[in-house]
Amino acid sequence: MFDVENHYGDPDGTFRQQYIDPFFDSLELDKKNPRPASVPYGKLLNAIKNYPRFTYRGSLTTPPCTETVQWNVIDYVFPIKKEHMDLWKAQLAWGDNNLKETGNFRVINELQDHDPMIVYQPGTQGGGAVVPLVIFIVLTVVFLLTTVLFYKRAKDAKRNNSEIAPANNEMAQLNNKAANESIGQYNQ
């Protein structure tokens, strides 16, 4: 999909200048019967972010419109110069058909049983939402386990201190008693 006015992910036109303009320039759209020697289609395709995309089994757009095509529609609108769009439309207008108006050899059909689906980048299952969710769950579990562990240690330390305090008190009394007895023996 192309748009002349909105340049969503290409505000400075760099992508358009590097990939899209050379592609359309190579098509020789300014000629009535263009026969381009070379079209940098592979360069353009390799530069395109092709996830997510919609895919469905459909038909050719030219007669006999045989249903043998696996269509892939990229979920991104690419910037195109108005000059290229006008030249493309002019190509569609040549001949005795009405392609300039429709852009297609036939009317658009109902969905029927084409079963379109969205294809995400492999490993992301939904555009990448799974990985952050898993990280969030793991960090939450680690936080909860750490909290429980520190709580248990604090509780054990408090219990140990309460057991040690009486023992220390008894030891202090024994020490005092021994000291008193020693002093008593010394005074005699």
C-alpha atoms as a PDB file:
ATOM      1  CA  MET A   1       0.000   0.000   0.000  1.00  0.00           C
ATOM      2  CA  PHE A   2       1.261   3.435  -0.896  1.00  0.00           C
ATOM      3  CA  ASP A   3       0.279   6.908   0.237  1.00  0.00           C
ATOM      4  CA  VAL A   4       1.320  10.218  -1.298  1.00  0.00           C
ATOM      5  CA  GLU A   5       0.529  12.406   1.690  1.00  0.00           C
ATOM      6  CA  ASN A   6       1.287  10.463   4.873  1.00  0.00           C
ATOM      7  CA  HIS A   7       4.839   9.281   5.466  1.00  0.00           C
ATOM      8  CA  TYR A   8       4.238   7.502   8.775  1.00  0.00           C
ATOM      9  CA  GLY A   9       7.527   5.701   9.472  1.00  0.00           C
ATOM     10  CA  ASP A  10       9.600   7.750   6.997  1.00  0.00           C
ATOM     11  CA  PRO A  11       9.283  11.407   8.041  1.00  0.00           C
ATOM     12  CA  ASP A  12      12.504  12.546   6.328  1.00  0.00           C
ATOM     13  CA  GLY A  13      11.930  10.486   3.153  1.00  0.00           C
ATOM     14  CA  THR A  14      15.115   8.403   3.518  1.00  0.00           C
ATOM     15  CA  PHE A  15      13.399   5.039   2.975  1.00  0.00           C
ATOM     16  CA  ARG A  16      11.466   6.359   0.000  1.00  0.00           C
ATOM     17  CA  GLN A  17      14.622   7.811  -1.589  1.00  0.00           C
ATOM     18  CA  GLN A  18      16.690   4.645  -1.068  1.00  0.00           C
ATOM     19  CA  TYR A  19      14.158   1.974  -2.025  1.00  0.00           C
ATOM     20  CA  ILE A  20      10.806   3.170  -3.358  1.00  0.00           C
ATOM     21  CA  ASP A  21      11.914   5.925  -5.743  1.00  0.00           C
ATOM     22  CA  PRO A  22      14.508   3.696  -7.521  1.00  0.00           C
ATOM     23  CA  PHE A  23      11.868   0.966  -7.852  1.00  0.00           C
ATOM     24  CA  PHE A  24       9.285   3.228  -9.510  1.00  0.00           C
ATOM     25  CA  ASP A  25      11.931   5.053 -11.584  1.00  0.00           C
ATOM     26  CA  SER A  26      13.063   1.693 -13.003  1.00  0.00           C
ATOM     27  CA  LEU A  27       9.538   0.870 -14.206  1.00  0.00           C
ATOM     28  CA  GLU A  28       9.769   3.563 -16.914  1.00  0.00           C
ATOM     29  CA  LEU A  29       6.190   4.594 -16.232  1.00  0.00           C
ATOM     30  CA  ASP A  30       6.610   7.711 -18.344  1.00  0.00           C
ATOM     31  CA  LYS A  31       6.652   5.525 -21.505  1.00  0.00           C
ATOM     32  CA  LYS A  32       3.539   4.169 -23.214  1.00  0.00           C
ATOM     33  CA  ASN A  33       4.836   0.599 -23.480  1.00  0.00           C
ATOM     34  CA  PRO A  34       7.527   0.363 -20.812  1.00  0.00           C
ATOM     35  CA  ARG A  35      10.036  -2.473 -21.116  1.00  0.00           C
ATOM     36  CA  PRO A  36      12.386  -1.952 -18.166  1.00  0.00           C
ATOM     37  CA  ALA A  37      15.776  -3.639 -18.479  1.00  0.00           C
ATOM     38  CA  SER A  38      16.009  -4.165 -14.718  1.00  0.00           C
ATOM     39  CA  VAL A  39      13.737  -3.583 -11.722  1.00  0.00           C
ATOM     40  CA  PRO A  40      15.247  -3.492  -8.187  1.00  0.00           C
ATOM     41  CA  TYR A  41      12.319  -5.489  -6.800  1.00  0.00           C
ATOM     42  CA  GLY A  42      14.508  -7.679  -4.572  1.00  0.00           C
ATOM     43  CA  LYS A  43      16.181  -4.646  -3.003  1.00  0.00           C
ATOM     44  CA  LEU A  44      12.774  -3.179  -2.172  1.00  0.00           C
ATOM     45  CA  LEU A  45      11.419  -6.472  -0.807  1.00  0.00           C
ATOM     46  CA  ASN A  46      14.484  -7.030   1.380  1.00  0.00           C
ATOM     47  CA  ALA A  47      14.090  -3.552   2.880  1.00  0.00           C
ATOM     48  CA  ILE A  48      10.418  -3.995   3.732  1.00  0.00           C
ATOM     49  CA  LYS A  49       9.337  -4.924   7.234  1.00  0.00           C
ATOM     50  CA  ASN A  50       6.965  -7.761   6.362  1.00  0.00           C
ATOM     51  CA  TYR A  51       5.511  -8.494   9.810  1.00  0.00           C
ATOM     52  CA  PRO A  52       2.726  -8.354  10.691  1.00  0.00           C
ATOM     53  CA  ARG A  53       1.015  -9.088   7.421  1.00  0.00           C
ATOM     54  CA  PHE A  54      -2.331 -10.416   6.272  1.00  0.00           C
ATOM     55  CA  THR A  55      -2.325 -13.522   4.122  1.00  0.00           C
ATOM     56  CA  TYR A  56      -5.063 -15.361   2.273  1.00  0.00           C
ATOM     57  CA  ARG A  57      -5.560 -17.671  -0.682  1.00  0.00           C
ATOM     58  CA  GLY A  58      -7.019 -15.690  -3.561  1.00  0.00           C
ATOM     59  CA  SER A  59      -6.978 -15.272  -7.299  1.00  0.00           C
ATOM     60  CA  LEU A  60      -5.125 -13.529 -10.058  1.00  0.00           C
ATOM     61  CA  THR A  61      -6.263  -9.953 -10.723  1.00  0.00           C
ATOM     62  CA  THR A  62      -6.292 -10.478 -14.479  1.00  0.00           C
ATOM     63  CA  PRO A  63      -8.536 -12.805 -16.493  1.00  0.00           C
ATOM     64  CA  PRO A  64      -9.129 -15.693 -16.060  1.00  0.00           C
ATOM     65  CA  CYS A  65      -8.799 -14.700 -12.331  1.00  0.00           C
ATOM     66  CA  THR A  66      -7.739 -18.224 -11.333  1.00  0.00           C
ATOM     67  CA  GLU A  67      -7.674 -18.844  -7.569  1.00  0.00           C
ATOM     68  CA  THR A  68      -4.075 -19.988  -7.313  1.00  0.00           C
ATOM     69  CA  VAL A  69      -2.390 -17.108  -5.488  1.00  0.00           C
ATOM     70  CA  GLN A  70      -1.316 -16.846  -1.849  1.00  0.00           C
ATOM     71  CA  TRP A  71      -1.683 -13.106  -1.257  1.00  0.00           C
ATOM     72  CA  ASN A  72       0.380 -11.311   1.385  1.00  0.00           C
ATOM     73  CA  VAL A  73      -0.697  -7.798   2.326  1.00  0.00           C
ATOM     74  CA  ILE A  74       1.847  -5.948   4.442  1.00  0.00           C
ATOM     75  CA  ASP A  75       0.452  -4.009   7.389  1.00  0.00           C
ATOM     76  CA  TYR A  76       2.345  -0.834   6.507  1.00  0.00           C
ATOM     77  CA  VAL A  77       1.682   2.134   4.238  1.00  0.00           C
ATOM     78  CA  PHE A  78       4.707   3.179   2.176  1.00  0.00           C
ATOM     79  CA  PRO A  79       5.403   6.731   1.044  1.00  0.00           C
ATOM     80  CA  ILE A  80       5.315   7.409  -2.688  1.00  0.00           C
ATOM     81  CA  LYS A  81       5.939  10.587  -4.648  1.00  0.00           C
ATOM     82  CA  LYS A  82       2.840  12.094  -6.280  1.00  0.00           C
ATOM     83  CA  GLU A  83       4.712  12.026  -9.606  1.00  0.00           C
ATOM     84  CA  HIS A  84       5.059   8.223  -9.382  1.00  0.00           C
ATOM     85  CA  MET A  85       1.413   7.778  -8.389  1.00  0.00           C
ATOM     86  CA  ASP A  86       0.254   9.927 -11.331  1.00  0.00           C
ATOM     87  CA  LEU A  87       2.467   7.966 -13.758  1.00  0.00           C
ATOM     88  CA  TRP A  88       1.089   4.681 -12.380  1.00  0.00           C
ATOM     89  CA  LYS A  89      -2.493   5.850 -12.871  1.00  0.00           C
ATOM     90  CA  ALA A  90      -1.632   7.007 -16.403  1.00  0.00           C
ATOM     91  CA  GLN A  91      -0.355   3.493 -17.187  1.00  0.00           C
ATOM     92  CA  LEU A  92      -3.675   2.065 -16.002  1.00  0.00           C
ATOM     93  CA  ALA A  93      -5.590   4.453 -18.266  1.00  0.00           C
ATOM     94  CA  TRP A  94      -3.942   3.338 -21.521  1.00  0.00           C
ATOM     95  CA  GLY A  95      -5.962   0.906 -23.548  1.00  0.00           C
ATOM     96  CA  ASP A  96      -9.695   0.423 -23.817  1.00  0.00           C
ATOM     97  CA  ASN A  97     -10.281  -0.660 -20.226  1.00  0.00           C
ATOM     98  CA  ASN A  98     -11.343   1.386 -17.239  1.00  0.00           C
ATOM     99  CA  LEU A  99      -8.366   0.595 -15.002  1.00  0.00           C
ATOM    100  CA  LYS A 100      -7.638   4.223 -14.193  1.00  0.00           C
ATOM    101  CA  GLU A 101     -10.865   4.332 -12.204  1.00  0.00           C
ATOM    102  CA  THR A 102     -10.918   0.838 -10.685  1.00  0.00           C
ATOM    103  CA  GLY A 103      -7.242  -0.124 -10.545  1.00  0.00           C
ATOM    104  CA  ASN A 104      -8.314  -3.700 -11.163  1.00  0.00           C
ATOM    105  CA  PHE A 105      -9.659  -5.874 -13.993  1.00  0.00           C
ATOM    106  CA  ARG A 106     -12.666  -6.906 -11.959  1.00  0.00           C
ATOM    107  CA  VAL A 107     -14.828  -5.872  -9.054  1.00  0.00           C
ATOM    108  CA  ILE A 108     -13.771  -6.799  -5.538  1.00  0.00           C
ATOM    109  CA  ASN A 109     -15.422 -10.046  -4.422  1.00  0.00           C
ATOM    110  CA  GLU A 110     -16.913 -10.968  -1.084  1.00  0.00           C
ATOM    111  CA  LEU A 111     -14.601 -12.710   1.410  1.00  0.00           C
ATOM    112  CA  GLN A 112     -16.231 -16.125   0.863  1.00  0.00           C
ATOM    113  CA  ASP A 113     -14.010 -18.927   2.189  1.00  0.00           C
ATOM    114  CA  HIS A 114     -10.615 -17.271   1.777  1.00  0.00           C
ATOM    115  CA  ASP A 115      -9.843 -17.425   5.536  1.00  0.00           C
ATOM    116  CA  PRO A 116      -7.470 -14.463   5.879  1.00  0.00           C
ATOM    117  CA  MET A 117      -5.085 -14.576   8.818  1.00  0.00           C
ATOM    118  CA  ILE A 118      -2.476 -12.336  10.393  1.00  0.00           C
ATOM    119  CA  VAL A 119       1.125 -13.542  10.301  1.00  0.00           C
ATOM    120  CA  TYR A 120       3.412 -12.205  13.026  1.00  0.00           C
ATOM    121  CA  GLN A 121       7.166 -12.296  13.183  1.00  0.00           C
ATOM    122  CA  PRO A 122       8.290 -15.819  14.136  1.00  0.00           C
ATOM    123  CA  GLY A 123       8.614 -16.213  17.889  1.00  0.00           C
ATOM    124  CA  THR A 124       6.503 -13.209  18.844  1.00  0.00           C
ATOM    125  CA  GLN A 125       2.975 -14.673  18.661  1.00  0.00           C
ATOM    126  CA  GLY A 126       1.014 -11.480  18.545  1.00  0.00           C
ATOM    127  CA  GLY A 127       3.458  -8.833  17.571  1.00  0.00           C
ATOM    128  CA  GLY A 128       5.863  -9.331  20.434  1.00  0.00           C
ATOM    129  CA  ALA A 129       3.526  -9.160  23.432  1.00  0.00           C
ATOM    130  CA  VAL A 130       4.441 -12.640  24.719  1.00  0.00           C
ATOM    131  CA  VAL A 131       8.082 -11.922  25.614  1.00  0.00           C
ATOM    132  CA  PRO A 132       7.351  -8.865  27.800  1.00  0.00           C
ATOM    133  CA  LEU A 133       4.507 -10.787  29.477  1.00  0.00           C
ATOM    134  CA  VAL A 134       6.793 -13.719  30.312  1.00  0.00           C
ATOM    135  CA  ILE A 135       9.453 -11.342  31.666  1.00  0.00           C
ATOM    136  CA  PHE A 136       6.821  -9.604  33.798  1.00  0.00           C
ATOM    137  CA  ILE A 137       5.574 -12.919  35.216  1.00  0.00           C
ATOM    138  CA  VAL A 138       9.094 -14.149  36.006  1.00  0.00           C
ATOM    139  CA  LEU A 139      10.029 -10.885  37.731  1.00  0.00           C
ATOM    140  CA  THR A 140       6.798 -10.931  39.734  1.00  0.00           C
ATOM    141  CA  VAL A 141       7.453 -14.495  40.921  1.00  0.00           C
ATOM    142  CA  VAL A 142      11.054 -13.607  41.849  1.00  0.00           C
ATOM    143  CA  PHE A 143       9.828 -10.543  43.761  1.00  0.00           C
ATOM    144  CA  LEU A 144       7.213 -12.581  45.651  1.00  0.00           C
ATOM    145  CA  LEU A 145       9.690 -15.345  46.522  1.00  0.00           C
ATOM    146  CA  THR A 146      12.239 -12.780  47.719  1.00  0.00           C
ATOM    147  CA  THR A 147       9.611 -11.058  49.848  1.00  0.00           C
ATOM    148  CA  VAL A 148       8.513 -14.360  51.433  1.00  0.00           C
ATOM    149  CA  LEU A 149      12.138 -15.356  52.051  1.00  0.00           C
ATOM    150  CA  PHE A 150      12.995 -12.042  53.762  1.00  0.00           C
ATOM    151  CA  TYR A 151       9.803 -12.222  55.833  1.00  0.00           C
ATOM    152  CA  LYS A 152      10.644 -15.772  56.961  1.00  0.00           C
ATOM    153  CA  ARG A 153      14.218 -14.779  57.854  1.00  0.00           C
ATOM    154  CA  ALA A 154      13.013 -11.752  59.806  1.00  0.00           C
ATOM    155  CA  LYS A 155      10.495 -13.905  61.677  1.00  0.00           C
ATOM    156  CA  ASP A 156      13.166 -16.557  62.450  1.00  0.00           C
ATOM    157  CA  ALA A 157      15.591 -13.873  63.613  1.00  0.00           C
ATOM    158  CA  LYS A 158      12.957 -12.383  65.917  1.00  0.00           C
ATOM    159  CA  ARG A 159      12.169 -15.837  67.353  1.00  0.00           C
ATOM    160  CA  ASN A 160      15.890 -16.571  67.831  1.00  0.00           C
ATOM    161  CA  ASN A 161      16.409 -13.235  69.561  1.00  0.00           C
ATOM    162  CA  SER A 162      13.537 -13.932  71.957  1.00  0.00           C
ATOM    163  CA  GLU A 163      15.071 -17.343  72.774  1.00  0.00           C
ATOM    164  CA  ILE A 164      18.565 -15.906  73.127  1.00  0.00           C
ATOM    165  CA  ALA A 165      17.502 -13.057  75.419  1.00  0.00           C
ATOM    166  CA  PRO A 166      16.350 -15.312  78.287  1.00  0.00           C
ATOM    167  CA  ALA A 167      19.419 -17.482  77.842  1.00  0.00           C
ATOM    168  CA  ASN A 168      21.616 -14.419  77.982  1.00  0.00           C
ATOM    169  CA  ASN A 169      19.743 -13.264  81.058  1.00  0.00           C
ATOM    170  CA  GLU A 170      20.286 -16.622  82.788  1.00  0.00           C
ATOM    171  CA  MET A 171      23.971 -16.514  81.829  1.00  0.00           C
ATOM    172  CA  ALA A 172      24.288 -13.014  83.254  1.00  0.00           C
ATOM    173  CA  GLN A 173      22.690 -14.178  86.520  1.00  0.00           C
ATOM    174  CA  LEU A 174      25.060 -17.148  86.708  1.00  0.00           C
ATOM    175  CA  ASN A 175      28.005 -14.888  86.014  1.00  0.00           C
ATOM    176  CA  ASN A 176      26.853 -12.461  88.688  1.00  0.00           C
ATOM    177  CA  LYS A 177      26.386 -15.318  91.178  1.00  0.00           C
ATOM    178  CA  ALA A 178      29.827 -16.698  90.372  1.00  0.00           C
ATOM    179  CA  ALA A 179      31.340 -13.271  90.668  1.00  0.00           C
ATOM    180  CA  ASN A 180      29.637 -12.698  94.010  1.00  0.00           C
ATOM    181  CA  GLU A 181      30.833 -16.040  95.287  1.00  0.00           C
ATOM    182  CA  SER A 182      34.364 -15.249  94.158  1.00  0.00           C
ATOM    183  CA  ILE A 183      34.224 -11.914  95.876  1.00  0.00           C
ATOM    184  CA  GLY A 184      32.816 -13.583  98.967  1.00  0.00           C
ATOM    185  CA  GLN A 185      35.635 -16.104  99.046  1.00  0.00           C
ATOM    186  CA  TYR A 186      38.162 -13.351  98.495  1.00  0.00           C
ATOM    187  CA  ASN A 187      36.785 -11.310 101.376  1.00  0.00           C
ATOM    188  CA  GLN A 188      37.046 -14.183 103.804  1.00  0.00           C
END
